[in-house]
């Protein structure tokens, strides 16, 4: 007796797939980034500048950890920011094997100009949400990232542990 092949699965409703919606949200984020923040500084480059603004004298490995970038991507970000004169690397006076990275005056000026623009971009991105929903979205995204990434360092205030 010959078995009938199983019926093929029906098409998926991608609007019910978090991965599809996250990919679309990243597309929206990239569009808004270009409109509101910068055509020349990327989001990962801004993350590096902002981390150095917050915490100067980081080595490249630590900087990558702070902003959750792998070594090769971090190396490319550092190379591009150095070429633009926004950061500089120098030998650590206490440990000659270690090179630290700092903002240049041009980099400091750039990050101070970009921070308010990132706020405007964020306001557009989450504009349809009320404050409670914005906080909830941030907590949920943090939980998803934290569950899937070993190096999550910072949890937004008010979020329960994952």
N, C-alpha and C. Protein backbone atom coordinates (compact mmCIF):
# COMPACT_ATOMS: atom_id res chain seq x y z
N UNK A 1 0.84 -1.18 0.00
CA UNK A 1 0.00 0.00 0.00
C UNK A 1 0.88 1.25 0.00
N UNK A 2 0.68 2.11 -0.96
CA UNK A 2 1.50 3.31 -1.13
C UNK A 2 0.96 4.43 -0.24
N UNK A 3 1.91 5.05 0.51
CA UNK A 3 1.54 6.17 1.39
C UNK A 3 1.48 7.46 0.60
N UNK A 4 0.45 8.23 0.88
CA UNK A 4 0.32 9.55 0.26
C UNK A 4 1.31 10.51 0.91
N UNK A 5 1.97 11.36 0.10
CA UNK A 5 2.87 12.35 0.72
C UNK A 5 2.03 13.33 1.55
N UNK A 6 2.63 13.82 2.62
CA UNK A 6 1.88 14.78 3.45
C UNK A 6 1.59 16.05 2.67
N UNK A 7 0.50 16.69 3.05
CA UNK A 7 0.17 17.96 2.41
C UNK A 7 1.27 18.96 2.69
N UNK A 8 1.62 19.76 1.71
CA UNK A 8 2.64 20.79 1.96
C UNK A 8 2.10 21.80 2.97
N UNK A 9 3.00 22.40 3.73
CA UNK A 9 2.52 23.39 4.71
C UNK A 9 1.98 24.62 3.98
N UNK A 10 1.03 25.29 4.59
CA UNK A 10 0.51 26.51 3.96
C UNK A 10 1.56 27.62 4.04
N UNK A 11 1.40 28.66 3.22
CA UNK A 11 2.35 29.78 3.29
C UNK A 11 2.32 30.41 4.69
N UNK A 12 3.46 30.94 5.08
CA UNK A 12 3.58 31.59 6.38
C UNK A 12 3.08 33.02 6.31
N UNK A 13 2.51 33.50 7.40
CA UNK A 13 2.17 34.90 7.55
C UNK A 13 3.39 35.56 8.21
N UNK A 14 4.20 36.22 7.40
CA UNK A 14 5.45 36.79 7.92
C UNK A 14 5.21 37.88 8.95
N UNK A 15 4.02 38.46 8.97
CA UNK A 15 3.72 39.47 9.97
C UNK A 15 3.57 38.86 11.37
N UNK A 16 3.64 37.54 11.43
CA UNK A 16 3.60 36.84 12.72
C UNK A 16 4.98 36.31 13.11
N UNK A 17 6.01 36.64 12.33
CA UNK A 17 7.37 36.18 12.59
C UNK A 17 8.20 37.33 13.16
N UNK A 18 8.64 37.23 14.42
CA UNK A 18 9.45 38.31 15.00
C UNK A 18 10.70 38.64 14.18
N UNK A 19 11.35 37.64 13.63
CA UNK A 19 12.55 37.90 12.83
C UNK A 19 12.28 38.76 11.62
N UNK A 20 11.17 38.49 10.95
CA UNK A 20 10.80 39.29 9.78
C UNK A 20 10.51 40.73 10.20
N UNK A 21 9.77 40.89 11.29
CA UNK A 21 9.44 42.24 11.76
C UNK A 21 10.68 42.97 12.27
N UNK A 22 11.61 42.25 12.91
CA UNK A 22 12.85 42.89 13.34
C UNK A 22 13.67 43.34 12.14
N UNK A 23 13.72 42.52 11.10
CA UNK A 23 14.45 42.91 9.88
C UNK A 23 13.83 44.16 9.27
N UNK A 24 12.52 44.21 9.23
CA UNK A 24 11.84 45.40 8.70
C UNK A 24 12.09 46.61 9.59
N UNK A 25 12.11 46.38 10.91
CA UNK A 25 12.40 47.50 11.83
C UNK A 25 13.82 48.02 11.62
N UNK A 26 14.77 47.14 11.34
CA UNK A 26 16.14 47.57 11.06
C UNK A 26 16.18 48.38 9.76
N UNK A 27 15.39 47.98 8.77
CA UNK A 27 15.31 48.76 7.53
C UNK A 27 14.79 50.17 7.82
N UNK A 28 13.75 50.26 8.65
CA UNK A 28 13.21 51.56 9.03
C UNK A 28 14.26 52.36 9.79
N UNK A 29 14.93 51.70 10.73
CA UNK A 29 15.99 52.35 11.51
C UNK A 29 17.06 52.93 10.60
N UNK A 30 17.51 52.15 9.63
CA UNK A 30 18.56 52.62 8.71
C UNK A 30 18.08 53.81 7.89
N UNK A 31 16.84 53.78 7.43
CA UNK A 31 16.28 54.90 6.69
C UNK A 31 16.23 56.15 7.57
N UNK A 32 15.71 56.00 8.78
CA UNK A 32 15.63 57.14 9.70
C UNK A 32 17.01 57.64 10.10
N UNK A 33 17.96 56.72 10.27
CA UNK A 33 19.33 57.11 10.61
C UNK A 33 19.88 58.05 9.54
N UNK A 34 19.71 57.65 8.28
CA UNK A 34 20.21 58.48 7.17
C UNK A 34 19.50 59.82 7.09
N UNK A 35 18.22 59.86 7.42
CA UNK A 35 17.46 61.11 7.35
C UNK A 35 17.74 62.03 8.54
N UNK A 36 17.85 61.46 9.72
CA UNK A 36 17.91 62.27 10.95
C UNK A 36 19.31 62.44 11.53
N UNK A 37 20.16 61.43 11.37
CA UNK A 37 21.43 61.43 12.10
C UNK A 37 22.60 61.76 11.20
N UNK A 38 22.90 60.91 10.24
CA UNK A 38 24.09 61.13 9.43
C UNK A 38 24.08 60.27 8.17
N UNK A 39 24.62 60.84 7.10
CA UNK A 39 24.84 60.08 5.87
C UNK A 39 26.25 59.48 5.86
N UNK A 40 27.11 59.95 6.76
CA UNK A 40 28.51 59.52 6.72
C UNK A 40 28.93 58.69 7.94
N UNK A 41 28.34 58.94 9.09
CA UNK A 41 28.65 58.17 10.29
C UNK A 41 27.57 57.10 10.46
N UNK A 42 27.99 55.84 10.49
CA UNK A 42 27.03 54.75 10.64
C UNK A 42 26.66 54.57 12.12
N UNK A 43 25.62 53.81 12.34
CA UNK A 43 25.20 53.54 13.71
C UNK A 43 26.31 52.86 14.53
N UNK A 44 27.01 51.84 14.01
CA UNK A 44 28.12 51.27 14.78
C UNK A 44 29.26 52.27 15.02
N UNK A 45 29.53 53.14 14.05
CA UNK A 45 30.56 54.16 14.25
C UNK A 45 30.14 55.14 15.33
N UNK A 46 28.86 55.53 15.32
CA UNK A 46 28.36 56.40 16.38
C UNK A 46 28.48 55.70 17.73
N UNK A 47 28.15 54.43 17.79
CA UNK A 47 28.24 53.68 19.05
C UNK A 47 29.66 53.73 19.60
N UNK A 48 30.65 53.60 18.72
CA UNK A 48 32.04 53.66 19.15
C UNK A 48 32.39 55.06 19.67
N UNK A 49 31.99 56.09 18.93
CA UNK A 49 32.25 57.46 19.36
C UNK A 49 31.59 57.74 20.71
N UNK A 50 30.36 57.31 20.85
CA UNK A 50 29.61 57.55 22.08
C UNK A 50 30.24 56.81 23.26
N UNK A 51 30.70 55.57 23.02
CA UNK A 51 31.36 54.80 24.09
C UNK A 51 32.64 55.49 24.53
N UNK A 52 33.40 56.03 23.57
CA UNK A 52 34.64 56.73 23.91
C UNK A 52 34.36 58.08 24.57
N UNK A 53 33.25 58.68 24.25
CA UNK A 53 32.82 59.92 24.91
C UNK A 53 32.49 59.62 26.37
N UNK A 54 31.86 58.49 26.60
CA UNK A 54 31.48 58.07 27.95
C UNK A 54 32.66 57.54 28.75
N UNK A 55 33.55 56.84 28.05
CA UNK A 55 34.64 56.13 28.73
C UNK A 55 35.91 56.21 27.86
N UNK A 56 36.70 57.27 28.00
CA UNK A 56 37.91 57.41 27.18
C UNK A 56 38.96 56.34 27.52
N UNK A 57 39.96 56.27 26.68
CA UNK A 57 41.13 55.39 26.90
C UNK A 57 40.79 53.90 26.90
N UNK A 58 39.90 53.49 26.02
CA UNK A 58 39.59 52.07 25.90
C UNK A 58 40.50 51.44 24.85
N UNK A 59 40.86 50.18 25.06
CA UNK A 59 41.54 49.47 23.99
C UNK A 59 40.48 48.95 23.02
N UNK A 60 40.92 48.53 21.86
CA UNK A 60 39.98 48.14 20.80
C UNK A 60 39.11 46.97 21.21
N UNK A 61 39.66 45.97 21.88
CA UNK A 61 38.89 44.80 22.31
C UNK A 61 37.79 45.21 23.28
N UNK A 62 38.14 46.03 24.26
CA UNK A 62 37.16 46.48 25.25
C UNK A 62 36.09 47.35 24.60
N UNK A 63 36.49 48.22 23.69
CA UNK A 63 35.54 49.05 22.97
C UNK A 63 34.54 48.17 22.22
N UNK A 64 35.04 47.15 21.55
CA UNK A 64 34.16 46.22 20.84
C UNK A 64 33.19 45.52 21.78
N UNK A 65 33.67 45.15 22.96
CA UNK A 65 32.78 44.52 23.94
C UNK A 65 31.70 45.50 24.41
N UNK A 66 32.09 46.74 24.64
CA UNK A 66 31.14 47.75 25.14
C UNK A 66 29.98 47.97 24.17
N UNK A 67 30.27 47.86 22.87
CA UNK A 67 29.23 48.15 21.88
C UNK A 67 28.79 46.89 21.12
N UNK A 68 29.20 45.73 21.61
CA UNK A 68 28.78 44.43 21.06
C UNK A 68 29.12 44.25 19.59
N UNK A 69 30.37 44.55 19.24
CA UNK A 69 30.85 44.30 17.88
C UNK A 69 31.96 43.26 17.94
N UNK A 70 31.98 42.38 16.94
CA UNK A 70 33.05 41.38 16.87
C UNK A 70 34.37 42.05 16.48
N UNK A 71 35.46 41.32 16.64
CA UNK A 71 36.80 41.90 16.43
C UNK A 71 37.00 42.47 15.04
N UNK A 72 36.59 41.74 14.01
CA UNK A 72 36.84 42.23 12.65
C UNK A 72 36.00 43.46 12.33
N UNK A 73 34.76 43.49 12.77
CA UNK A 73 33.92 44.67 12.55
C UNK A 73 34.47 45.86 13.32
N UNK A 74 34.90 45.59 14.56
CA UNK A 74 35.45 46.68 15.38
C UNK A 74 36.71 47.24 14.73
N UNK A 75 37.55 46.39 14.19
CA UNK A 75 38.77 46.84 13.52
C UNK A 75 38.42 47.76 12.34
N UNK A 76 37.39 47.40 11.59
CA UNK A 76 36.97 48.22 10.45
C UNK A 76 36.41 49.57 10.92
N UNK A 77 35.62 49.56 12.00
CA UNK A 77 35.07 50.81 12.54
C UNK A 77 36.21 51.72 13.00
N UNK A 78 37.17 51.17 13.73
CA UNK A 78 38.31 51.95 14.21
C UNK A 78 39.11 52.51 13.03
N UNK A 79 39.32 51.70 12.01
CA UNK A 79 40.07 52.15 10.84
C UNK A 79 39.37 53.33 10.16
N UNK A 80 38.07 53.23 9.97
CA UNK A 80 37.32 54.30 9.29
C UNK A 80 37.27 55.58 10.14
N UNK A 81 37.06 55.42 11.45
CA UNK A 81 37.01 56.60 12.31
C UNK A 81 38.38 57.27 12.41
N UNK A 82 39.44 56.47 12.43
CA UNK A 82 40.81 57.02 12.44
C UNK A 82 41.09 57.77 11.14
N UNK A 83 40.71 57.18 10.02
CA UNK A 83 40.95 57.80 8.72
C UNK A 83 40.22 59.14 8.60
N UNK A 84 39.10 59.28 9.27
CA UNK A 84 38.34 60.54 9.26
C UNK A 84 38.84 61.53 10.30
N UNK A 85 39.81 61.10 11.11
CA UNK A 85 40.36 61.99 12.12
C UNK A 85 39.45 62.17 13.34
N UNK A 86 38.56 61.21 13.57
CA UNK A 86 37.62 61.32 14.69
C UNK A 86 38.13 60.65 15.96
N UNK A 87 39.05 59.71 15.80
CA UNK A 87 39.67 59.04 16.95
C UNK A 87 41.16 58.91 16.69
N UNK A 88 41.91 58.67 17.77
CA UNK A 88 43.35 58.39 17.63
C UNK A 88 43.71 57.28 18.60
N UNK A 89 44.68 56.49 18.20
CA UNK A 89 45.20 55.42 19.04
C UNK A 89 46.59 55.80 19.50
N UNK A 90 46.91 55.43 20.73
CA UNK A 90 48.26 55.67 21.25
C UNK A 90 48.62 54.58 22.25
N UNK A 91 49.90 54.37 22.42
CA UNK A 91 50.37 53.39 23.39
C UNK A 91 49.99 53.83 24.79
N UNK A 92 49.55 52.87 25.59
CA UNK A 92 49.24 53.12 26.99
C UNK A 92 50.55 53.39 27.73
N UNK A 93 50.59 54.49 28.46
CA UNK A 93 51.81 54.87 29.18
C UNK A 93 52.18 53.83 30.25
N UNK A 94 51.19 53.17 30.82
CA UNK A 94 51.45 52.17 31.87
C UNK A 94 51.73 50.78 31.32
N UNK A 95 51.19 50.48 30.14
CA UNK A 95 51.39 49.16 29.54
C UNK A 95 51.64 49.37 28.05
N UNK A 96 52.91 49.37 27.67
CA UNK A 96 53.31 49.64 26.29
C UNK A 96 52.76 48.66 25.28
N UNK A 97 52.29 47.50 25.73
CA UNK A 97 51.70 46.52 24.80
C UNK A 97 50.28 46.88 24.42
N UNK A 98 49.68 47.76 25.19
CA UNK A 98 48.27 48.10 25.01
C UNK A 98 48.16 49.45 24.30
N UNK A 99 47.27 49.51 23.28
CA UNK A 99 46.97 50.76 22.60
C UNK A 99 45.59 51.22 23.03
N UNK A 100 45.50 52.46 23.46
CA UNK A 100 44.21 53.01 23.85
C UNK A 100 43.67 53.92 22.75
N UNK A 101 42.37 54.06 22.73
CA UNK A 101 41.69 54.86 21.72
C UNK A 101 40.97 56.00 22.42
N UNK A 102 41.07 57.18 21.82
CA UNK A 102 40.41 58.37 22.36
C UNK A 102 39.80 59.17 21.22
N UNK A 103 38.83 59.98 21.56
CA UNK A 103 38.27 60.91 20.60
C UNK A 103 39.27 62.03 20.34
N UNK A 104 39.34 62.48 19.11
CA UNK A 104 40.08 63.70 18.79
C UNK A 104 39.12 64.87 19.06
N UNK A 105 39.61 66.10 19.05
CA UNK A 105 38.68 67.24 19.17
C UNK A 105 37.58 67.20 18.10
N UNK A 106 37.94 66.79 16.89
CA UNK A 106 36.95 66.66 15.82
C UNK A 106 35.92 65.57 16.16
N UNK A 107 36.38 64.47 16.74
CA UNK A 107 35.47 63.39 17.13
C UNK A 107 34.56 63.80 18.27
N UNK A 108 35.10 64.55 19.22
CA UNK A 108 34.30 65.05 20.33
C UNK A 108 33.20 65.97 19.81
N UNK A 109 33.57 66.86 18.90
CA UNK A 109 32.58 67.76 18.30
C UNK A 109 31.50 66.95 17.57
N UNK A 110 31.94 65.94 16.80
CA UNK A 110 30.99 65.12 16.03
C UNK A 110 30.00 64.40 16.94
N UNK A 111 30.48 63.75 17.99
CA UNK A 111 29.58 62.99 18.85
C UNK A 111 28.60 63.92 19.56
N UNK A 112 29.06 65.10 19.95
CA UNK A 112 28.15 66.06 20.60
C UNK A 112 27.08 66.55 19.62
N UNK A 113 27.41 66.63 18.34
CA UNK A 113 26.43 67.02 17.33
C UNK A 113 25.46 65.87 17.02
N UNK A 114 25.95 64.64 17.09
CA UNK A 114 25.14 63.49 16.71
C UNK A 114 24.15 63.05 17.80
N UNK A 115 24.50 63.23 19.05
CA UNK A 115 23.64 62.74 20.14
C UNK A 115 22.21 63.29 20.04
N UNK A 116 22.02 64.61 19.91
CA UNK A 116 20.63 65.09 19.78
C UNK A 116 19.92 64.56 18.53
N UNK A 117 20.68 64.33 17.48
CA UNK A 117 20.08 63.78 16.25
C UNK A 117 19.60 62.34 16.47
N UNK A 118 20.35 61.58 17.28
CA UNK A 118 19.90 60.21 17.57
C UNK A 118 18.61 60.24 18.38
N UNK A 119 18.45 61.26 19.22
CA UNK A 119 17.21 61.39 19.98
C UNK A 119 16.03 61.67 19.04
N UNK A 120 16.26 62.54 18.07
CA UNK A 120 15.21 62.85 17.09
C UNK A 120 14.85 61.60 16.28
N UNK A 121 15.87 60.83 15.89
CA UNK A 121 15.63 59.60 15.14
C UNK A 121 14.83 58.61 15.99
N UNK A 122 15.21 58.47 17.25
CA UNK A 122 14.49 57.56 18.14
C UNK A 122 13.05 58.00 18.32
N UNK A 123 12.84 59.30 18.45
CA UNK A 123 11.47 59.81 18.59
C UNK A 123 10.62 59.45 17.37
N UNK A 124 11.21 59.52 16.20
CA UNK A 124 10.46 59.13 14.99
C UNK A 124 10.24 57.63 14.95
N UNK A 125 11.26 56.87 15.33
CA UNK A 125 11.17 55.41 15.27
C UNK A 125 10.05 54.88 16.17
N UNK A 126 10.00 55.37 17.39
CA UNK A 126 9.01 54.85 18.34
C UNK A 126 7.87 55.84 18.57
N UNK A 127 7.74 56.81 17.68
CA UNK A 127 6.70 57.82 17.79
C UNK A 127 5.29 57.29 17.98
N UNK A 128 4.93 56.19 17.31
CA UNK A 128 3.56 55.69 17.48
C UNK A 128 3.28 55.10 18.87
N UNK A 129 4.31 54.91 19.67
CA UNK A 129 4.14 54.28 20.98
C UNK A 129 4.04 55.33 22.08
N UNK A 130 3.23 55.03 23.10
CA UNK A 130 3.22 55.91 24.27
C UNK A 130 4.43 55.55 25.15
N UNK A 131 4.66 56.32 26.20
CA UNK A 131 5.87 56.12 27.02
C UNK A 131 5.94 54.72 27.62
N UNK A 132 4.82 54.21 28.10
CA UNK A 132 4.80 52.86 28.68
C UNK A 132 5.16 51.82 27.62
N UNK A 133 4.63 51.97 26.43
CA UNK A 133 4.94 51.04 25.35
C UNK A 133 6.41 51.14 24.93
N UNK A 134 6.96 52.36 24.93
CA UNK A 134 8.38 52.54 24.60
C UNK A 134 9.25 51.80 25.62
N UNK A 135 8.91 51.98 26.90
CA UNK A 135 9.67 51.29 27.96
C UNK A 135 9.54 49.77 27.81
N UNK A 136 8.33 49.32 27.50
CA UNK A 136 8.10 47.88 27.33
C UNK A 136 8.87 47.34 26.13
N UNK A 137 8.86 48.09 25.02
CA UNK A 137 9.62 47.67 23.84
C UNK A 137 11.10 47.55 24.17
N UNK A 138 11.64 48.54 24.86
CA UNK A 138 13.05 48.51 25.24
C UNK A 138 13.35 47.31 26.12
N UNK A 139 12.49 47.03 27.06
CA UNK A 139 12.69 45.88 27.95
C UNK A 139 12.60 44.56 27.17
N UNK A 140 11.62 44.45 26.29
CA UNK A 140 11.46 43.21 25.52
C UNK A 140 12.65 42.99 24.58
N UNK A 141 13.08 44.04 23.90
CA UNK A 141 14.24 43.90 23.01
C UNK A 141 15.49 43.54 23.81
N UNK A 142 15.65 44.16 24.97
CA UNK A 142 16.79 43.86 25.83
C UNK A 142 16.76 42.40 26.27
N UNK A 143 15.58 41.91 26.58
CA UNK A 143 15.43 40.52 27.00
C UNK A 143 15.77 39.56 25.86
N UNK A 144 15.30 39.86 24.67
CA UNK A 144 15.59 39.01 23.51
C UNK A 144 17.09 39.01 23.22
N UNK A 145 17.69 40.19 23.21
CA UNK A 145 19.13 40.28 22.96
C UNK A 145 19.91 39.56 24.06
N UNK A 146 19.53 39.81 25.31
CA UNK A 146 20.23 39.20 26.43
C UNK A 146 20.16 37.69 26.43
N UNK A 147 19.04 37.15 25.99
CA UNK A 147 18.89 35.70 25.95
C UNK A 147 19.72 35.07 24.83
N UNK A 148 20.08 35.88 23.85
CA UNK A 148 20.78 35.35 22.68
C UNK A 148 22.20 35.87 22.52
N UNK A 149 22.64 36.71 23.44
CA UNK A 149 23.98 37.30 23.36
C UNK A 149 24.64 37.22 24.72
N UNK A 150 25.82 36.69 24.77
CA UNK A 150 26.52 36.50 26.04
C UNK A 150 27.06 37.79 26.62
N UNK A 151 27.29 38.81 25.76
CA UNK A 151 28.01 39.99 26.23
C UNK A 151 27.12 41.17 26.58
N UNK A 152 25.83 40.95 26.83
CA UNK A 152 24.97 42.07 27.20
C UNK A 152 25.44 42.63 28.53
N UNK A 153 25.77 43.92 28.54
CA UNK A 153 26.35 44.55 29.72
C UNK A 153 25.33 45.41 30.44
N UNK A 154 24.55 46.17 29.71
CA UNK A 154 23.68 47.18 30.31
C UNK A 154 22.22 46.79 30.13
N UNK A 155 21.45 46.90 31.20
CA UNK A 155 20.01 46.66 31.15
C UNK A 155 19.32 47.98 31.45
N UNK A 156 18.35 48.39 30.63
CA UNK A 156 17.67 49.65 30.90
C UNK A 156 17.04 49.65 32.29
N UNK A 157 17.03 50.82 32.91
CA UNK A 157 16.43 50.96 34.24
C UNK A 157 14.97 50.53 34.17
N UNK A 158 14.53 49.82 35.18
CA UNK A 158 13.14 49.42 35.25
C UNK A 158 12.80 48.10 34.59
N UNK A 159 13.76 47.48 33.91
CA UNK A 159 13.51 46.19 33.28
C UNK A 159 13.80 45.06 34.24
N UNK A 160 12.93 44.11 34.26
CA UNK A 160 13.17 42.92 35.07
C UNK A 160 14.25 42.08 34.40
N UNK A 161 14.88 41.24 35.18
CA UNK A 161 15.93 40.36 34.63
C UNK A 161 15.33 39.42 33.61
N UNK A 162 16.13 39.06 32.58
CA UNK A 162 15.60 38.13 31.57
C UNK A 162 15.37 36.76 32.16
